[in-house]
Amino acid sequence: MNSKKRYDARIRLGIATETGDAQGKVVRSITEINTTRVEVEEALTRFRGPVEQVPPMYSALKHEGKALYELARRGIEVERTPRVVEIYDLRLTKWTPPTFRLFVECSRGTYVRVLAADVGEALGTGGHLEQLVRVACGAYALEDAVSLHHAEQTLSGGDWSQILHPLDEPLLQFDAFIVDQETELKIRHGQQVDGPDPLNGLFSRAYNTTGQFVGLLQYHRENRAWQPRKVFNLDEAHA
């Protein structure tokens, strides 16, 4: 969930909505738009790197125990604290005024519809997110996905290994170490165990001596030990 996200976004200039996307009520519109591609390219430079975003009212964030969208539907607007997000890559990929498409690579917590509205405001025309497709999340890309029909056919034929990823694949960004049989048993019982000092962060994958994935561990500096965070039994490891 903390991985970078990549999107294909289509933005419509000249129309601002209360939600920042095409489903929201129009709050401002202009008919004559003279914005050029060069102006859009220049505006985009302001939104690369760390940027502040004010979370939209139409979101699942909570305020005093209530989801913001619930308050918004009742006509209530509350002050929201700006949050810093990271825009790693932001490129204009198609220019068809009054719409254009962007490639966006961003951090967790980024609202692309807020980005669309903010770009529209920077251009002086207003704007909203007309269409959004998430094309990748971390190492998983849409181009590598299979259709539901293909998945059903493959699984019904028993050849699941063609389309299912290894259990530990989403965790390959973490370090790893091998544990002996005694340590493995302790991990499976949720007990803290000894292990190497962490090299890159406080999480590490653990494998037994036969190469089976045991689980994800978290390092506790105060007692210099590894605490199991998520343990997988042998049947799950084979699945």
C-alpha atoms as a PDB file:
ATOM      1  CA  MET A   1       0.000   0.000   0.000  1.00  0.00           C
ATOM      2  CA  ASN A   2       2.954   2.316   0.523  1.00  0.00           C
ATOM      3  CA  SER A   3       4.242   1.738  -3.016  1.00  0.00           C
ATOM      4  CA  LYS A   4       4.251   4.381  -5.721  1.00  0.00           C
ATOM      5  CA  LYS A   5       1.113   4.608  -7.860  1.00  0.00           C
ATOM      6  CA  ARG A   6       0.997   5.392 -11.589  1.00  0.00           C
ATOM      7  CA  TYR A   7      -2.025   6.778 -13.405  1.00  0.00           C
ATOM      8  CA  ASP A   8      -3.296   7.756 -16.823  1.00  0.00           C
ATOM      9  CA  ALA A   9      -5.453  10.820 -16.149  1.00  0.00           C
ATOM     10  CA  ARG A  10      -7.630  12.851 -18.485  1.00  0.00           C
ATOM     11  CA  ILE A  11      -8.330  16.419 -17.380  1.00  0.00           C
ATOM     12  CA  ARG A  12     -11.031  18.721 -18.690  1.00  0.00           C
ATOM     13  CA  LEU A  13     -10.374  22.451 -18.559  1.00  0.00           C
ATOM     14  CA  GLY A  14     -13.071  25.086 -18.219  1.00  0.00           C
ATOM     15  CA  ILE A  15     -15.335  23.162 -15.828  1.00  0.00           C
ATOM     16  CA  ALA A  16     -14.761  22.941 -12.071  1.00  0.00           C
ATOM     17  CA  THR A  17     -16.866  20.550  -9.976  1.00  0.00           C
ATOM     18  CA  GLU A  18     -17.458  20.228  -6.251  1.00  0.00           C
ATOM     19  CA  THR A  19     -15.871  16.771  -6.185  1.00  0.00           C
ATOM     20  CA  GLY A  20     -13.002  17.440  -8.588  1.00  0.00           C
ATOM     21  CA  ASP A  21     -14.228  14.741 -10.972  1.00  0.00           C
ATOM     22  CA  ALA A  22     -16.899  14.298 -13.637  1.00  0.00           C
ATOM     23  CA  GLN A  23     -19.519  13.034 -11.161  1.00  0.00           C
ATOM     24  CA  GLY A  24     -19.636  16.229  -9.143  1.00  0.00           C
ATOM     25  CA  LYS A  25     -21.923  19.237  -9.424  1.00  0.00           C
ATOM     26  CA  VAL A  26     -20.533  21.972 -11.672  1.00  0.00           C
ATOM     27  CA  VAL A  27     -19.540  24.977  -9.585  1.00  0.00           C
ATOM     28  CA  ARG A  28     -17.836  27.077 -12.271  1.00  0.00           C
ATOM     29  CA  SER A  29     -17.518  26.951 -16.036  1.00  0.00           C
ATOM     30  CA  ILE A  30     -16.203  29.078 -18.867  1.00  0.00           C
ATOM     31  CA  THR A  31     -16.916  28.694 -22.559  1.00  0.00           C
ATOM     32  CA  GLU A  32     -13.863  30.325 -24.115  1.00  0.00           C
ATOM     33  CA  ILE A  33     -10.586  28.557 -23.366  1.00  0.00           C
ATOM     34  CA  ASN A  34      -7.413  29.867 -24.968  1.00  0.00           C
ATOM     35  CA  THR A  35      -4.962  27.811 -22.950  1.00  0.00           C
ATOM     36  CA  THR A  36      -1.983  26.547 -24.946  1.00  0.00           C
ATOM     37  CA  ARG A  37       0.050  23.379 -24.586  1.00  0.00           C
ATOM     38  CA  VAL A  38       3.048  25.451 -23.556  1.00  0.00           C
ATOM     39  CA  GLU A  39       1.049  26.992 -20.713  1.00  0.00           C
ATOM     40  CA  VAL A  40      -0.013  23.563 -19.509  1.00  0.00           C
ATOM     41  CA  GLU A  41       3.560  22.301 -19.623  1.00  0.00           C
ATOM     42  CA  GLU A  42       4.686  25.334 -17.628  1.00  0.00           C
ATOM     43  CA  ALA A  43       1.914  24.875 -15.047  1.00  0.00           C
ATOM     44  CA  LEU A  44       2.866  21.242 -14.517  1.00  0.00           C
ATOM     45  CA  THR A  45       6.337  22.242 -13.308  1.00  0.00           C
ATOM     46  CA  ARG A  46       4.712  23.647 -10.145  1.00  0.00           C
ATOM     47  CA  PHE A  47       3.269  20.261  -9.229  1.00  0.00           C
ATOM     48  CA  ARG A  48       6.342  18.051  -9.408  1.00  0.00           C
ATOM     49  CA  GLY A  49       8.103  16.962  -6.244  1.00  0.00           C
ATOM     50  CA  PRO A  50       6.657  17.490  -2.762  1.00  0.00           C
ATOM     51  CA  VAL A  51       3.347  19.366  -3.004  1.00  0.00           C
ATOM     52  CA  GLU A  52       0.631  20.264  -0.529  1.00  0.00           C
ATOM     53  CA  GLN A  53      -2.868  19.010  -1.143  1.00  0.00           C
ATOM     54  CA  VAL A  54      -6.020  19.865   0.756  1.00  0.00           C
ATOM     55  CA  PRO A  55      -8.034  16.620   1.014  1.00  0.00           C
ATOM     56  CA  PRO A  56     -11.408  16.956  -0.749  1.00  0.00           C
ATOM     57  CA  MET A  57     -14.638  17.051   1.207  1.00  0.00           C
ATOM     58  CA  TYR A  58     -15.870  14.149  -0.898  1.00  0.00           C
ATOM     59  CA  SER A  59     -13.428  11.626   0.571  1.00  0.00           C
ATOM     60  CA  ALA A  60     -13.419   8.861   3.167  1.00  0.00           C
ATOM     61  CA  LEU A  61     -11.237  10.788   5.604  1.00  0.00           C
ATOM     62  CA  LYS A  62     -12.767  11.210   9.031  1.00  0.00           C
ATOM     63  CA  HIS A  63     -13.646  14.384  10.951  1.00  0.00           C
ATOM     64  CA  GLU A  64     -14.752  13.800  14.533  1.00  0.00           C
ATOM     65  CA  GLY A  65     -15.702  10.241  13.636  1.00  0.00           C
ATOM     66  CA  LYS A  66     -17.677  11.158  10.517  1.00  0.00           C
ATOM     67  CA  ALA A  67     -16.532  10.534   6.956  1.00  0.00           C
ATOM     68  CA  LEU A  68     -16.032  13.803   5.110  1.00  0.00           C
ATOM     69  CA  TYR A  69     -18.269  12.693   2.241  1.00  0.00           C
ATOM     70  CA  GLU A  70     -21.132  12.221   4.697  1.00  0.00           C
ATOM     71  CA  LEU A  71     -20.734  15.812   5.871  1.00  0.00           C
ATOM     72  CA  ALA A  72     -20.407  17.067   2.289  1.00  0.00           C
ATOM     73  CA  ARG A  73     -23.683  15.412   1.294  1.00  0.00           C
ATOM     74  CA  ARG A  74     -25.358  17.322   4.131  1.00  0.00           C
ATOM     75  CA  GLY A  75     -23.899  20.584   2.858  1.00  0.00           C
ATOM     76  CA  ILE A  76     -21.367  20.851   5.675  1.00  0.00           C
ATOM     77  CA  GLU A  77     -17.792  21.861   4.886  1.00  0.00           C
ATOM     78  CA  VAL A  78     -15.048  21.657   7.503  1.00  0.00           C
ATOM     79  CA  GLU A  79     -11.478  22.878   7.504  1.00  0.00           C
ATOM     80  CA  ARG A  80      -8.978  20.259   6.329  1.00  0.00           C
ATOM     81  CA  THR A  81      -5.288  20.261   7.081  1.00  0.00           C
ATOM     82  CA  PRO A  82      -3.116  20.274   3.939  1.00  0.00           C
ATOM     83  CA  ARG A  83      -1.022  17.145   3.475  1.00  0.00           C
ATOM     84  CA  VAL A  84       2.320  16.844   1.712  1.00  0.00           C
ATOM     85  CA  VAL A  85       2.402  14.232  -1.046  1.00  0.00           C
ATOM     86  CA  GLU A  86       5.082  13.453  -3.616  1.00  0.00           C
ATOM     87  CA  ILE A  87       4.628  13.709  -7.381  1.00  0.00           C
ATOM     88  CA  TYR A  88       7.585  11.781  -8.780  1.00  0.00           C
ATOM     89  CA  ASP A  89       6.669  12.123 -12.450  1.00  0.00           C
ATOM     90  CA  LEU A  90       4.102  14.305 -14.190  1.00  0.00           C
ATOM     91  CA  ARG A  91       4.008  14.419 -17.984  1.00  0.00           C
ATOM     92  CA  LEU A  92       1.610  15.665 -20.628  1.00  0.00           C
ATOM     93  CA  THR A  93       0.984  12.692 -22.921  1.00  0.00           C
ATOM     94  CA  LYS A  94      -1.854  13.934 -25.128  1.00  0.00           C
ATOM     95  CA  TRP A  95      -3.111  17.435 -25.944  1.00  0.00           C
ATOM     96  CA  THR A  96      -6.697  17.629 -27.253  1.00  0.00           C
ATOM     97  CA  PRO A  97      -8.025  20.964 -25.902  1.00  0.00           C
ATOM     98  CA  PRO A  98     -10.039  21.504 -23.831  1.00  0.00           C
ATOM     99  CA  THR A  99      -8.899  18.116 -22.537  1.00  0.00           C
ATOM    100  CA  PHE A 100      -5.445  16.646 -22.087  1.00  0.00           C
ATOM    101  CA  ARG A 101      -3.958  13.484 -20.634  1.00  0.00           C
ATOM    102  CA  LEU A 102      -1.277  13.161 -18.002  1.00  0.00           C
ATOM    103  CA  PHE A 103       0.997  10.393 -16.841  1.00  0.00           C
ATOM    104  CA  VAL A 104       1.192  10.676 -13.051  1.00  0.00           C
ATOM    105  CA  GLU A 105       3.516   8.776 -10.735  1.00  0.00           C
ATOM    106  CA  CYS A 106       2.838   9.665  -7.134  1.00  0.00           C
ATOM    107  CA  SER A 107       3.035   8.630  -3.514  1.00  0.00           C
ATOM    108  CA  ARG A 108       0.359   7.006  -1.432  1.00  0.00           C
ATOM    109  CA  GLY A 109      -2.332   9.451  -0.364  1.00  0.00           C
ATOM    110  CA  THR A 110      -2.244  11.556  -3.519  1.00  0.00           C
ATOM    111  CA  TYR A 111      -5.643  12.676  -4.827  1.00  0.00           C
ATOM    112  CA  VAL A 112      -5.352  12.912  -8.601  1.00  0.00           C
ATOM    113  CA  ARG A 113      -8.690  14.749  -8.786  1.00  0.00           C
ATOM    114  CA  VAL A 114      -7.270  17.398  -6.443  1.00  0.00           C
ATOM    115  CA  LEU A 115      -4.230  17.594  -8.718  1.00  0.00           C
ATOM    116  CA  ALA A 116      -6.537  18.067 -11.718  1.00  0.00           C
ATOM    117  CA  ALA A 117      -8.489  20.841  -9.974  1.00  0.00           C
ATOM    118  CA  ASP A 118      -5.295  22.538  -8.788  1.00  0.00           C
ATOM    119  CA  VAL A 119      -3.797  22.485 -12.290  1.00  0.00           C
ATOM    120  CA  GLY A 120      -7.018  23.982 -13.630  1.00  0.00           C
ATOM    121  CA  GLU A 121      -6.863  26.759 -11.048  1.00  0.00           C
ATOM    122  CA  ALA A 122      -3.205  27.421 -11.866  1.00  0.00           C
ATOM    123  CA  LEU A 123      -4.196  27.866 -15.515  1.00  0.00           C
ATOM    124  CA  GLY A 124      -7.039  30.221 -14.566  1.00  0.00           C
ATOM    125  CA  THR A 125      -9.689  28.123 -16.286  1.00  0.00           C
ATOM    126  CA  GLY A 126     -10.716  25.674 -13.604  1.00  0.00           C
ATOM    127  CA  GLY A 127     -10.760  22.000 -14.401  1.00  0.00           C
ATOM    128  CA  HIS A 128     -11.696  18.538 -13.246  1.00  0.00           C
ATOM    129  CA  LEU A 129     -10.644  14.922 -13.599  1.00  0.00           C
ATOM    130  CA  GLU A 130     -12.666  13.466 -16.466  1.00  0.00           C
ATOM    131  CA  GLN A 131     -11.206   9.946 -16.453  1.00  0.00           C
ATOM    132  CA  LEU A 132      -8.659   8.043 -14.383  1.00  0.00           C
ATOM    133  CA  VAL A 133      -6.974   4.659 -14.859  1.00  0.00           C
ATOM    134  CA  ARG A 134      -4.460   3.262 -12.387  1.00  0.00           C
ATOM    135  CA  VAL A 135      -1.836   1.676 -14.607  1.00  0.00           C
ATOM    136  CA  ALA A 136       0.520   0.437 -11.890  1.00  0.00           C
ATOM    137  CA  CYS A 137       0.894   0.011  -8.158  1.00  0.00           C
ATOM    138  CA  GLY A 138       4.441  -0.720  -7.099  1.00  0.00           C
ATOM    139  CA  ALA A 139       5.774  -3.567  -9.246  1.00  0.00           C
ATOM    140  CA  TYR A 140       2.315  -4.566 -10.505  1.00  0.00           C
ATOM    141  CA  ALA A 141       1.304  -3.059 -13.842  1.00  0.00           C
ATOM    142  CA  LEU A 142      -2.032  -3.118 -15.623  1.00  0.00           C
ATOM    143  CA  GLU A 143      -0.341  -4.324 -18.803  1.00  0.00           C
ATOM    144  CA  ASP A 144       0.586  -7.546 -17.001  1.00  0.00           C
ATOM    145  CA  ALA A 145      -2.962  -8.219 -15.775  1.00  0.00           C
ATOM    146  CA  VAL A 146      -5.115 -11.011 -17.167  1.00  0.00           C
ATOM    147  CA  SER A 147      -8.838 -10.909 -17.845  1.00  0.00           C
ATOM    148  CA  LEU A 148     -11.256 -12.594 -15.470  1.00  0.00           C
ATOM    149  CA  HIS A 149     -12.259 -14.998 -18.252  1.00  0.00           C
ATOM    150  CA  HIS A 150      -8.642 -16.022 -18.845  1.00  0.00           C
ATOM    151  CA  ALA A 151      -8.064 -16.406 -15.103  1.00  0.00           C
ATOM    152  CA  GLU A 152     -11.124 -18.646 -14.727  1.00  0.00           C
ATOM    153  CA  GLN A 153     -10.045 -20.827 -17.648  1.00  0.00           C
ATOM    154  CA  THR A 154      -6.498 -21.145 -16.351  1.00  0.00           C
ATOM    155  CA  LEU A 155      -7.536 -21.935 -12.785  1.00  0.00           C
ATOM    156  CA  SER A 156     -10.202 -24.437 -13.844  1.00  0.00           C
ATOM    157  CA  GLY A 157      -7.522 -26.231 -15.847  1.00  0.00           C
ATOM    158  CA  GLY A 158      -5.373 -26.511 -12.725  1.00  0.00           C
ATOM    159  CA  ASP A 159      -2.496 -24.489 -14.156  1.00  0.00           C
ATOM    160  CA  TRP A 160      -2.639 -21.737 -11.525  1.00  0.00           C
ATOM    161  CA  SER A 161       1.145 -21.217 -11.560  1.00  0.00           C
ATOM    162  CA  GLN A 162       0.828 -19.348 -14.889  1.00  0.00           C
ATOM    163  CA  ILE A 163      -1.042 -16.427 -13.379  1.00  0.00           C
ATOM    164  CA  LEU A 164      -0.533 -16.428  -9.597  1.00  0.00           C
ATOM    165  CA  HIS A 165       2.501 -14.668  -8.149  1.00  0.00           C
ATOM    166  CA  PRO A 166       4.656 -16.212  -5.403  1.00  0.00           C
ATOM    167  CA  LEU A 167       3.413 -15.485  -1.897  1.00  0.00           C
ATOM    168  CA  ASP A 168       6.446 -13.375  -0.954  1.00  0.00           C
ATOM    169  CA  GLU A 169       6.669 -11.361  -4.179  1.00  0.00           C
ATOM    170  CA  PRO A 170       4.988  -8.190  -2.826  1.00  0.00           C
ATOM    171  CA  LEU A 171       7.595  -8.113  -0.037  1.00  0.00           C
ATOM    172  CA  LEU A 172      10.780  -8.411  -2.085  1.00  0.00           C
ATOM    173  CA  GLN A 173      11.745  -4.811  -1.275  1.00  0.00           C
ATOM    174  CA  PHE A 174      12.554  -5.954   2.264  1.00  0.00           C
ATOM    175  CA  ASP A 175      15.737  -7.706   3.383  1.00  0.00           C
ATOM    176  CA  ALA A 176      15.691 -11.431   4.095  1.00  0.00           C
ATOM    177  CA  PHE A 177      17.444 -13.998   6.278  1.00  0.00           C
ATOM    178  CA  ILE A 178      17.258 -17.762   6.872  1.00  0.00           C
ATOM    179  CA  VAL A 179      16.200 -19.242  10.207  1.00  0.00           C
ATOM    180  CA  ASP A 180      16.835 -22.681  11.660  1.00  0.00           C
ATOM    181  CA  GLN A 181      14.075 -25.099  12.653  1.00  0.00           C
ATOM    182  CA  GLU A 182      13.979 -23.978  16.300  1.00  0.00           C
ATOM    183  CA  THR A 183      13.724 -20.298  15.347  1.00  0.00           C
ATOM    184  CA  GLU A 184      11.069 -21.074  12.752  1.00  0.00           C
ATOM    185  CA  LEU A 185       8.938 -22.758  15.393  1.00  0.00           C
ATOM    186  CA  LYS A 186       9.230 -19.714  17.666  1.00  0.00           C
ATOM    187  CA  ILE A 187       8.166 -17.443  14.809  1.00  0.00           C
ATOM    188  CA  ARG A 188       5.136 -19.609  14.101  1.00  0.00           C
ATOM    189  CA  HIS A 189       4.167 -19.239  17.769  1.00  0.00           C
ATOM    190  CA  GLY A 190       4.479 -15.430  17.555  1.00  0.00           C
ATOM    191  CA  GLN A 191       7.604 -15.245  19.719  1.00  0.00           C
ATOM    192  CA  GLN A 192      10.427 -12.767  19.295  1.00  0.00           C
ATOM    193  CA  VAL A 193      13.622 -14.246  17.883  1.00  0.00           C
ATOM    194  CA  ASP A 194      17.245 -13.283  17.421  1.00  0.00           C
ATOM    195  CA  GLY A 195      18.545 -12.414  13.989  1.00  0.00           C
ATOM    196  CA  PRO A 196      20.941 -10.168  12.066  1.00  0.00           C
ATOM    197  CA  ASP A 197      20.876  -6.423  12.598  1.00  0.00           C
ATOM    198  CA  PRO A 198      18.608  -4.676  10.097  1.00  0.00           C
ATOM    199  CA  LEU A 199      20.292  -3.214   7.029  1.00  0.00           C
ATOM    200  CA  ASN A 200      17.537  -1.353   5.167  1.00  0.00           C
ATOM    201  CA  GLY A 201      14.626  -0.544   7.445  1.00  0.00           C
ATOM    202  CA  LEU A 202      12.984  -2.435  10.275  1.00  0.00           C
ATOM    203  CA  PHE A 203      11.247  -5.205   8.319  1.00  0.00           C
ATOM    204  CA  SER A 204      12.671  -8.421   6.948  1.00  0.00           C
ATOM    205  CA  ARG A 205      11.457 -11.626   5.316  1.00  0.00           C
ATOM    206  CA  ALA A 206      12.253 -14.914   7.017  1.00  0.00           C
ATOM    207  CA  TYR A 207      12.762 -18.248   5.222  1.00  0.00           C
ATOM    208  CA  ASN A 208      13.387 -21.702   6.640  1.00  0.00           C
ATOM    209  CA  THR A 209      16.315 -23.893   5.630  1.00  0.00           C
ATOM    210  CA  THR A 210      14.309 -25.473   2.775  1.00  0.00           C
ATOM    211  CA  GLY A 211      13.624 -22.043   1.238  1.00  0.00           C
ATOM    212  CA  GLN A 212       9.975 -21.783   2.299  1.00  0.00           C
ATOM    213  CA  PHE A 213       8.690 -18.330   3.172  1.00  0.00           C
ATOM    214  CA  VAL A 214       7.914 -18.187   6.899  1.00  0.00           C
ATOM    215  CA  GLY A 215       6.763 -14.604   7.368  1.00  0.00           C
ATOM    216  CA  LEU A 216       7.487 -10.920   7.709  1.00  0.00           C
ATOM    217  CA  LEU A 217       9.304  -9.788  10.867  1.00  0.00           C
ATOM    218  CA  GLN A 218       9.780  -6.361  12.446  1.00  0.00           C
ATOM    219  CA  TYR A 219      12.919  -5.372  14.341  1.00  0.00           C
ATOM    220  CA  HIS A 220      12.581  -3.924  17.865  1.00  0.00           C
ATOM    221  CA  ARG A 221      15.614  -1.830  18.700  1.00  0.00           C
ATOM    222  CA  GLU A 222      14.985  -1.714  22.456  1.00  0.00           C
ATOM    223  CA  ASN A 223      15.573  -5.455  22.912  1.00  0.00           C
ATOM    224  CA  ARG A 224      17.410  -6.119  19.635  1.00  0.00           C
ATOM    225  CA  ALA A 225      14.985  -8.836  18.551  1.00  0.00           C
ATOM    226  CA  TRP A 226      12.663  -9.617  15.636  1.00  0.00           C
ATOM    227  CA  GLN A 227       8.908  -9.730  16.227  1.00  0.00           C
ATOM    228  CA  PRO A 228       6.683 -11.687  13.802  1.00  0.00           C
ATOM    229  CA  ARG A 229       4.236  -9.366  12.054  1.00  0.00           C
ATOM    230  CA  LYS A 230       2.649 -11.797   9.582  1.00  0.00           C
ATOM    231  CA  VAL A 231       3.306 -15.528   9.583  1.00  0.00           C
ATOM    232  CA  PHE A 232       2.304 -17.966   6.831  1.00  0.00           C
ATOM    233  CA  ASN A 233       1.818 -21.647   7.508  1.00  0.00           C
ATOM    234  CA  LEU A 234       3.342 -24.300   5.289  1.00  0.00           C
ATOM    235  CA  ASP A 235       0.123 -25.018   3.392  1.00  0.00           C
ATOM    236  CA  GLU A 236      -0.236 -21.323   2.517  1.00  0.00           C
ATOM    237  CA  ALA A 237       3.384 -21.171   1.470  1.00  0.00           C
ATOM    238  CA  HIS A 238       2.777 -23.994  -1.028  1.00  0.00           C
ATOM    239  CA  ALA A 239      -0.472 -22.466  -2.360  1.00  0.00           C
END
